[in-house]
Amino acid sequence: MSHGPRSGLAAVSSALLAMSRHLEVRDVLKTIVASARELLDAQYAALGVPDDHGGFAQFVVDGVSDEQWKAIGPLPRQHGILAAMLHEATPERLADVRKDPRFGGWPSAHPDLVDFLGLPIRDGDETIGALFLANKVCPDAKGDGDPPAPGPEGGCGFTQDDEELLGILAQHAAIALTNARLYERSRELTIAEERSRLAHELHDAVSQKLFSLRLTAQAAAALVDRDPARAKGELQQVAALAAEAADELRAAVVELRPAALEEDGLVATLRTQIQVLDRAHSARVTFTGHGVKALPAAQEEALLRVAQEALHNALRHSGAAHVDVTLHRAATGAVLRVTDDGGGFDPRTVRRAGRHLGLVSMRDRANGTGGRLTVRSEPGKGTTIEMEVPGG
């Protein structure tokens, strides 16, 4: 984009649309920071979300490499100019932040900031974040082809127009951040409901197995003296029931375990969970991943949950000997496919009978991320569930 804050309505519109496109708080924060830095031609940008203990619950930067960020050290505290923005809720525009009496220095690895522009992000009367930019990048006024210079030394700094534009961005950032928080809270409630459902399933399934196990063991004990052969058969049944109970428990634990998407990514998380399912069930469960890049957090969450639901159906209800999961990059994004060689079903009959096999929730997850879900199944011919999302 051209230099200067008034580089066109399209640039402003693009920044606002980018902020509203994401639902995860972390994704929203990153988008706000990147949009602000690009729109106002700043060398650095950051956004801090305060906690209740004088620090920051989250702090996102743009313009600093991962290596620089690690070298800087712990997150900043709420002091100096940051504290003024958070507690006094007033904009701060400085020609040289280092000369401000509130300036308290920074770590040795921290980049040198000169001109500074910061605004609070407010939701009603609450300050929910602080957005700031540093080192305005100046146009090449001399026309000599040299890189633009940042800060007052380069002959420019942030202007009143910059401050007004960042104020507009901060207002929309407050809306996007509030919506993302509401989405995450609703998702937490959904996860809690899913965990409750799984707990009931676990209780019912394992309780029945353990009850049968107890009766069979009692029968074996009664037969040991008078009919050893029958007692041996009953003990074999005890072993089989114990194995089934263990399988039920392992499968439930896999579903209840929080997904390590943020740390490991979707491919590694799927591979780990499928390896556990392969060990826990008699069916062969395999996974293949092909060149999928990192996706927005909401899409990765949806893909993981759809894969888990499809695997649950295949392993519990289809009688499949083999379940294959693939995740690969496509022209329009990423595609998840779960295929089994089980008994299959007629999707129309399932809908008419009021049974859903989780298909409604899977379609909701796909639609919620701009994707689509396809179900192909026939009695006796297995089932394939495919989910495609954009942006992979």
Protein backbone atom coordinates (compact mmCIF):
# COMPACT_ATOMS: atom_id res chain seq x y z
CA MET A 1 0.00 0.00 0.00
CA SER A 2 1.11 3.59 -0.45
CA HIS A 3 2.55 5.43 2.52
CA GLY A 4 0.32 7.60 4.70
CA PRO A 5 -2.84 6.90 6.64
CA ARG A 6 -5.20 8.11 3.91
CA SER A 7 -4.13 5.48 1.38
CA GLY A 8 -7.70 4.77 0.44
CA LEU A 9 -11.03 3.58 1.74
CA ALA A 10 -10.26 0.12 0.39
CA ALA A 11 -7.28 -0.23 2.75
CA VAL A 12 -9.36 0.79 5.77
CA SER A 13 -12.20 -1.51 4.74
CA SER A 14 -9.76 -4.39 4.23
CA ALA A 15 -8.37 -3.92 7.75
CA LEU A 16 -11.83 -3.87 9.34
CA LEU A 17 -12.99 -6.93 7.40
CA ALA A 18 -9.84 -8.82 8.41
CA MET A 19 -10.61 -8.16 12.08
CA SER A 20 -14.18 -9.43 11.79
CA ARG A 21 -13.18 -12.58 9.91
CA HIS A 22 -11.71 -14.44 12.90
CA LEU A 23 -13.45 -15.87 15.96
CA GLU A 24 -10.53 -16.93 18.16
CA VAL A 25 -9.26 -14.22 20.52
CA ARG A 26 -5.60 -14.84 19.68
CA ASP A 27 -6.30 -14.64 15.93
CA VAL A 28 -8.25 -11.40 16.41
CA LEU A 29 -5.41 -9.83 18.41
CA LYS A 30 -2.83 -10.73 15.76
CA THR A 31 -5.03 -9.36 12.98
CA ILE A 32 -5.66 -6.07 14.81
CA VAL A 33 -1.93 -5.52 15.36
CA ALA A 34 -0.91 -6.41 11.81
CA SER A 35 -3.70 -4.26 10.33
CA ALA A 36 -2.78 -1.24 12.46
CA ARG A 37 0.93 -1.46 11.61
CA GLU A 38 0.28 -1.76 7.88
CA LEU A 39 -2.44 0.87 7.73
CA LEU A 40 -0.44 3.54 9.54
CA ASP A 41 3.00 2.63 8.15
CA ALA A 42 4.62 1.87 11.51
CA GLN A 43 7.75 -0.16 12.08
CA TYR A 44 6.36 -1.81 15.23
CA ALA A 45 2.93 -2.48 16.67
CA ALA A 46 1.70 -4.20 19.82
CA LEU A 47 -1.52 -4.91 21.69
CA GLY A 48 -1.78 -5.83 25.34
CA VAL A 49 -4.80 -7.29 27.13
CA PRO A 50 -4.49 -6.53 30.86
CA ASP A 51 -4.95 -9.05 33.63
CA ASP A 52 -6.07 -8.27 37.18
CA HIS A 53 -2.58 -8.40 38.69
CA GLY A 54 -0.72 -5.49 37.12
CA GLY A 55 0.49 -7.44 34.09
CA PHE A 56 -0.88 -8.60 30.74
CA ALA A 57 -2.93 -11.73 30.14
CA GLN A 58 -1.98 -11.53 26.45
CA PHE A 59 0.52 -9.40 24.58
CA VAL A 60 0.85 -9.57 20.79
CA VAL A 61 3.50 -7.82 18.68
CA ASP A 62 4.09 -7.26 14.97
CA GLY A 63 7.35 -6.20 13.36
CA VAL A 64 9.52 -8.17 15.82
CA SER A 65 11.00 -11.55 14.86
CA ASP A 66 10.45 -14.64 16.99
CA GLU A 67 14.14 -14.59 17.95
CA GLN A 68 13.94 -10.95 19.05
CA TRP A 69 10.77 -11.60 21.02
CA LYS A 70 12.36 -14.49 22.91
CA ALA A 71 15.44 -12.40 23.68
CA ILE A 72 13.36 -9.50 25.07
CA GLY A 73 12.19 -11.64 27.97
CA PRO A 74 9.07 -11.44 30.17
CA LEU A 75 5.98 -9.47 29.17
CA PRO A 76 5.91 -5.81 30.21
CA ARG A 77 4.07 -4.70 33.33
CA GLN A 78 1.34 -2.05 33.46
CA HIS A 79 3.53 0.95 34.22
CA GLY A 80 4.59 4.21 32.61
CA ILE A 81 2.85 5.08 29.37
CA LEU A 82 1.13 1.69 29.16
CA ALA A 83 -0.44 2.26 32.55
CA ALA A 84 -1.58 5.74 31.51
CA MET A 85 -3.38 4.33 28.48
CA LEU A 86 -5.02 1.56 30.49
CA HIS A 87 -5.97 3.45 33.64
CA GLU A 88 -6.55 6.97 32.35
CA ALA A 89 -8.01 5.71 29.04
CA THR A 90 -6.46 8.54 27.04
CA PRO A 91 -4.54 8.49 23.75
CA GLU A 92 -0.78 9.04 23.86
CA ARG A 93 1.05 10.57 20.87
CA LEU A 94 4.73 11.34 21.51
CA ALA A 95 7.50 12.64 19.25
CA ASP A 96 10.09 10.70 21.27
CA VAL A 97 8.92 8.21 23.88
CA ARG A 98 12.40 8.09 25.42
CA LYS A 99 12.12 11.74 26.53
CA ASP A 100 8.80 11.29 28.30
CA PRO A 101 9.18 11.51 32.13
CA ARG A 102 7.16 8.30 32.49
CA PHE A 103 9.58 6.33 30.32
CA GLY A 104 11.25 3.58 32.33
CA GLY A 105 13.53 1.99 29.75
CA TRP A 106 13.34 -1.44 28.20
CA PRO A 107 15.39 -4.67 28.04
CA SER A 108 18.66 -4.64 26.09
CA ALA A 109 17.23 -6.81 23.30
CA HIS A 110 14.21 -4.53 22.85
CA PRO A 111 14.13 -2.54 19.58
CA ASP A 112 14.74 1.20 19.91
CA LEU A 113 11.40 3.03 19.82
CA VAL A 114 11.22 6.72 19.02
CA ASP A 115 7.90 8.25 17.97
CA PHE A 116 4.93 6.62 19.65
CA LEU A 117 1.15 6.45 19.22
CA GLY A 118 -1.05 4.53 21.64
CA LEU A 119 -4.78 4.23 22.28
CA PRO A 120 -6.89 2.26 24.74
CA ILE A 121 -9.38 -0.27 23.37
CA ARG A 122 -12.61 0.19 25.27
CA ASP A 123 -15.83 -1.76 25.58
CA GLY A 124 -18.21 0.74 27.15
CA ASP A 125 -16.56 1.89 30.36
CA GLU A 126 -14.11 -1.01 30.46
CA THR A 127 -10.61 -0.80 29.00
CA ILE A 128 -10.01 -4.22 27.47
CA GLY A 129 -6.69 -3.54 25.79
CA ALA A 130 -4.00 -1.07 24.76
CA LEU A 131 -2.97 -0.71 21.13
CA PHE A 132 0.18 1.16 20.24
CA LEU A 133 2.49 1.84 17.31
CA ALA A 134 6.08 3.03 17.17
CA ASN A 135 8.52 4.42 14.60
CA LYS A 136 6.48 5.92 11.81
CA VAL A 137 7.99 4.94 8.45
CA CYS A 138 8.39 8.07 6.32
CA PRO A 139 7.99 8.27 2.56
CA ASP A 140 11.13 8.59 0.47
CA ALA A 141 10.82 12.36 0.18
CA LYS A 142 14.26 12.76 -1.37
CA GLY A 143 13.48 10.33 -4.16
CA ASP A 144 16.93 8.76 -3.89
CA GLY A 145 15.65 5.20 -3.63
CA ASP A 146 16.97 4.74 -0.10
CA PRO A 147 14.72 2.90 2.37
CA PRO A 148 12.28 5.17 4.25
CA ALA A 149 13.49 6.28 7.64
CA PRO A 150 11.48 5.84 10.83
CA GLY A 151 10.93 8.34 13.61
CA PRO A 152 11.69 12.03 14.09
CA GLU A 153 15.24 11.58 12.84
CA GLY A 154 13.72 10.73 9.48
CA GLY A 155 11.72 13.96 9.46
CA CYS A 156 8.24 12.67 10.33
CA GLY A 157 6.19 11.19 13.11
CA PHE A 158 2.62 10.22 13.86
CA THR A 159 0.05 12.91 13.06
CA GLN A 160 -3.39 13.91 14.27
CA ASP A 161 -4.80 12.09 11.22
CA ASP A 162 -2.94 8.96 12.32
CA GLU A 163 -4.45 9.26 15.78
CA GLU A 164 -7.98 9.64 14.39
CA LEU A 165 -7.55 6.67 12.09
CA LEU A 166 -6.16 4.50 14.89
CA GLY A 167 -9.14 5.58 17.00
CA ILE A 168 -11.52 4.22 14.36
CA LEU A 169 -9.51 1.01 14.23
CA ALA A 170 -9.60 0.72 18.03
CA GLN A 171 -13.40 1.04 18.08
CA HIS A 172 -13.79 -1.80 15.61
CA ALA A 173 -11.10 -3.77 17.44
CA ALA A 174 -13.23 -3.55 20.60
CA ILE A 175 -16.20 -5.04 18.74
CA ALA A 176 -14.12 -7.82 17.17
CA LEU A 177 -12.41 -8.67 20.46
CA THR A 178 -15.70 -8.70 22.40
CA ASN A 179 -17.30 -10.97 19.78
CA ALA A 180 -14.32 -13.32 19.92
CA ARG A 181 -14.54 -13.52 23.70
CA LEU A 182 -18.27 -14.30 23.51
CA TYR A 183 -17.56 -17.01 20.92
CA GLU A 184 -14.90 -18.63 23.09
CA ARG A 185 -17.23 -18.60 26.10
CA SER A 186 -20.00 -20.25 24.09
CA ARG A 187 -17.52 -22.82 22.81
CA GLU A 188 -16.41 -23.56 26.38
CA LEU A 189 -20.04 -24.23 27.26
CA THR A 190 -20.34 -26.55 24.25
CA ILE A 191 -17.19 -28.41 25.29
CA ALA A 192 -18.56 -28.75 28.82
CA GLU A 193 -21.78 -30.21 27.41
CA GLU A 194 -19.77 -32.65 25.26
CA ARG A 195 -17.72 -33.72 28.27
CA SER A 196 -20.92 -34.29 30.25
CA ARG A 197 -22.31 -36.42 27.42
CA LEU A 198 -19.09 -38.43 27.24
CA ALA A 199 -19.11 -38.91 31.00
CA HIS A 200 -22.62 -40.35 30.83
CA GLU A 201 -21.61 -42.63 27.95
CA LEU A 202 -18.53 -43.76 29.86
CA HIS A 203 -20.56 -44.43 32.99
CA ASP A 204 -23.20 -46.44 31.14
CA ALA A 205 -20.84 -48.46 28.99
CA VAL A 206 -18.21 -49.29 31.60
CA SER A 207 -20.78 -49.87 34.38
CA GLN A 208 -22.55 -52.47 32.25
CA LYS A 209 -19.27 -54.19 31.42
CA LEU A 210 -18.17 -54.24 35.07
CA PHE A 211 -21.57 -55.60 36.20
CA SER A 212 -21.29 -58.43 33.66
CA LEU A 213 -17.69 -58.97 34.72
CA ARG A 214 -18.71 -59.36 38.36
CA LEU A 215 -21.51 -61.85 37.61
CA THR A 216 -19.29 -63.90 35.32
CA ALA A 217 -16.49 -64.01 37.92
CA GLN A 218 -19.00 -65.18 40.56
CA ALA A 219 -20.23 -67.93 38.23
CA ALA A 220 -16.66 -69.05 37.57
CA ALA A 221 -15.93 -69.20 41.31
CA ALA A 222 -19.01 -71.37 41.89
CA LEU A 223 -17.98 -73.80 39.13
CA VAL A 224 -14.29 -74.23 39.98
CA ASP A 225 -14.75 -77.35 42.13
CA ARG A 226 -17.62 -79.20 40.43
CA ASP A 227 -17.10 -78.26 36.74
CA PRO A 228 -13.55 -76.98 36.02
CA ALA A 229 -14.10 -76.97 32.24
CA ARG A 230 -17.08 -74.63 32.50
CA ALA A 231 -15.22 -72.52 35.04
CA LYS A 232 -12.38 -72.13 32.54
CA GLY A 233 -14.85 -70.91 29.91
CA GLU A 234 -16.32 -68.39 32.34
CA LEU A 235 -12.85 -67.09 33.19
CA GLN A 236 -12.13 -66.62 29.49
CA GLN A 237 -15.31 -64.56 29.32
CA VAL A 238 -14.08 -62.52 32.29
CA ALA A 239 -10.89 -61.73 30.39
CA ALA A 240 -12.86 -60.71 27.28
CA LEU A 241 -15.18 -58.42 29.28
CA ALA A 242 -12.23 -56.83 31.05
CA ALA A 243 -10.58 -56.11 27.69
CA GLU A 244 -13.80 -54.51 26.37
CA ALA A 245 -14.10 -52.32 29.48
CA ALA A 246 -10.48 -51.21 29.05
CA ASP A 247 -11.16 -50.35 25.39
CA GLU A 248 -14.19 -48.26 26.35
CA LEU A 249 -12.15 -46.42 28.97
CA ARG A 250 -9.23 -45.69 26.65
CA ALA A 251 -11.52 -44.38 23.90
CA ALA A 252 -13.34 -42.10 26.35
CA VAL A 253 -10.06 -40.77 27.73
CA VAL A 254 -8.95 -39.87 24.20
CA GLU A 255 -12.15 -37.90 23.62
CA LEU A 256 -11.98 -36.14 26.98
CA ARG A 257 -8.31 -35.17 26.67
CA PRO A 258 -7.87 -31.51 25.69
CA ALA A 259 -6.53 -31.15 22.15
CA ALA A 260 -3.00 -29.75 22.06
CA LEU A 261 -3.74 -27.78 18.92
CA GLU A 262 -1.93 -24.60 19.95
CA GLU A 263 1.25 -26.44 20.90
CA ASP A 264 1.34 -29.32 18.40
CA GLY A 265 -0.87 -28.29 15.50
CA LEU A 266 -3.72 -30.18 13.87
CA VAL A 267 -1.70 -32.83 12.02
CA ALA A 268 0.32 -33.91 15.07
CA THR A 269 -2.76 -33.88 17.32
CA LEU A 270 -4.76 -36.03 14.91
CA ARG A 271 -1.86 -38.44 14.42
CA THR A 272 -1.43 -38.91 18.19
CA GLN A 273 -5.13 -39.48 18.85
CA ILE A 274 -5.48 -41.92 15.97
CA GLN A 275 -2.46 -43.92 17.14
CA VAL A 276 -4.17 -44.32 20.54
CA LEU A 277 -7.46 -45.36 18.91
CA ASP A 278 -5.61 -47.88 16.76
CA ARG A 279 -4.18 -49.50 19.88
CA ALA A 280 -7.47 -49.37 21.77
CA HIS A 281 -9.74 -50.95 19.14
CA SER A 282 -9.68 -54.14 17.12
CA ALA A 283 -10.22 -52.17 13.90
CA ARG A 284 -7.15 -50.88 12.08
CA VAL A 285 -7.10 -47.05 12.28
CA THR A 286 -4.67 -45.17 10.03
CA PHE A 287 -3.82 -41.53 9.36
CA THR A 288 -2.09 -39.69 6.53
CA GLY A 289 -1.41 -35.93 6.35
CA HIS A 290 -0.33 -34.12 3.17
CA GLY A 291 1.17 -30.61 3.22
CA VAL A 292 -1.49 -28.85 5.29
CA LYS A 293 -0.38 -25.43 6.52
CA ALA A 294 -1.48 -23.97 9.83
CA LEU A 295 -5.14 -22.94 9.75
CA PRO A 296 -7.05 -20.41 11.87
CA ALA A 297 -7.72 -21.85 15.31
CA ALA A 298 -11.50 -22.11 14.76
CA GLN A 299 -11.00 -24.20 11.62
CA GLU A 300 -8.49 -26.54 13.27
CA GLU A 301 -10.86 -27.02 16.22
CA ALA A 302 -13.76 -27.80 13.86
CA LEU A 303 -11.72 -30.28 11.81
CA LEU A 304 -10.52 -32.06 14.95
CA ARG A 305 -14.05 -32.34 16.40
CA VAL A 306 -15.50 -33.62 13.12
CA ALA A 307 -12.72 -36.21 12.88
CA GLN A 308 -13.42 -37.34 16.46
CA GLU A 309 -17.18 -37.63 15.83
CA ALA A 310 -16.68 -39.54 12.58
CA LEU A 311 -14.18 -41.89 14.25
CA HIS A 312 -16.59 -42.43 17.14
CA ASN A 313 -19.34 -43.49 14.70
CA ALA A 314 -17.05 -45.75 12.69
CA LEU A 315 -15.51 -47.52 15.69
CA ARG A 316 -18.65 -47.87 17.80
CA HIS A 317 -21.42 -48.44 15.27
CA SER A 318 -20.18 -49.50 11.83
CA GLY A 319 -18.40 -52.79 12.58
CA ALA A 320 -15.52 -51.62 10.38
CA ALA A 321 -12.28 -53.56 10.11
CA HIS A 322 -10.38 -50.54 8.79
CA VAL A 323 -10.88 -46.80 9.31
CA ASP A 324 -8.68 -44.42 7.32
CA VAL A 325 -8.28 -40.70 8.06
CA THR A 326 -6.58 -38.33 5.64
CA LEU A 327 -5.93 -34.60 5.85
CA HIS A 328 -4.53 -32.93 2.77
CA ARG A 329 -4.18 -29.59 1.11
CA ALA A 330 -6.56 -28.75 -1.71
CA ALA A 331 -6.78 -25.87 -4.17
CA THR A 332 -9.34 -24.07 -2.04
CA GLY A 333 -8.06 -25.03 1.41
CA ALA A 334 -7.80 -28.23 3.44
CA VAL A 335 -9.82 -31.45 3.21
CA LEU A 336 -10.44 -33.98 5.96
CA ARG A 337 -11.69 -37.43 4.94
CA VAL A 338 -12.72 -40.29 7.26
CA THR A 339 -13.48 -43.55 5.45
CA ASP A 340 -14.51 -46.90 6.91
CA ASP A 341 -15.33 -50.31 5.41
CA GLY A 342 -18.16 -50.95 7.85
CA GLY A 343 -21.86 -51.67 7.40
CA GLY A 344 -22.77 -48.24 6.10
CA PHE A 345 -26.24 -46.72 6.25
CA ASP A 346 -28.82 -44.85 4.22
CA PRO A 347 -28.51 -41.16 5.20
CA ARG A 348 -32.14 -40.53 4.20
CA THR A 349 -33.41 -43.30 6.49
CA VAL A 350 -31.31 -41.97 9.35
CA ARG A 351 -32.86 -38.51 8.97
CA ARG A 352 -36.41 -39.85 8.76
CA ALA A 353 -35.87 -41.97 11.87
CA GLY A 354 -34.72 -38.94 13.83
CA ARG A 355 -31.23 -40.41 14.34
CA HIS A 356 -28.36 -38.17 13.40
CA LEU A 357 -25.13 -40.03 14.29
CA GLY A 358 -23.63 -36.61 15.06
CA LEU A 359 -24.18 -35.45 11.48
CA VAL A 360 -26.05 -32.31 12.55
CA SER A 361 -23.23 -31.15 14.83
CA MET A 362 -20.64 -31.98 12.18
CA ARG A 363 -22.50 -29.93 9.57
CA ASP A 364 -22.85 -27.06 12.04
CA ARG A 365 -19.11 -27.10 12.67
CA ALA A 366 -18.37 -27.09 8.94
CA ASN A 367 -20.80 -24.26 8.20
CA GLY A 368 -19.50 -22.24 11.15
CA THR A 369 -16.03 -22.07 9.58
CA GLY A 370 -17.14 -21.38 6.02
CA GLY A 371 -16.63 -25.00 5.00
CA ARG A 372 -18.87 -27.83 3.84
CA LEU A 373 -19.52 -31.41 4.90
CA THR A 374 -20.24 -34.30 2.54
CA VAL A 375 -21.52 -37.71 3.70
CA ARG A 376 -21.42 -40.72 1.34
CA SER A 377 -22.74 -44.04 2.61
CA GLU A 378 -24.78 -47.04 1.52
CA PRO A 379 -25.82 -50.14 3.45
CA GLY A 380 -23.04 -52.70 3.15
CA LYS A 381 -20.64 -50.31 1.39
CA GLY A 382 -19.05 -48.36 4.22
CA THR A 383 -19.07 -44.63 4.88
CA THR A 384 -16.99 -41.61 3.86
CA ILE A 385 -17.30 -38.29 5.68
CA GLU A 386 -15.50 -35.39 4.07
CA MET A 387 -15.07 -31.86 5.38
CA GLU A 388 -13.49 -29.06 3.38
CA VAL A 389 -12.50 -25.68 4.82
CA PRO A 390 -10.98 -22.68 3.03
CA GLY A 391 -7.58 -21.22 3.65
CA GLY A 392 -5.26 -24.21 4.10
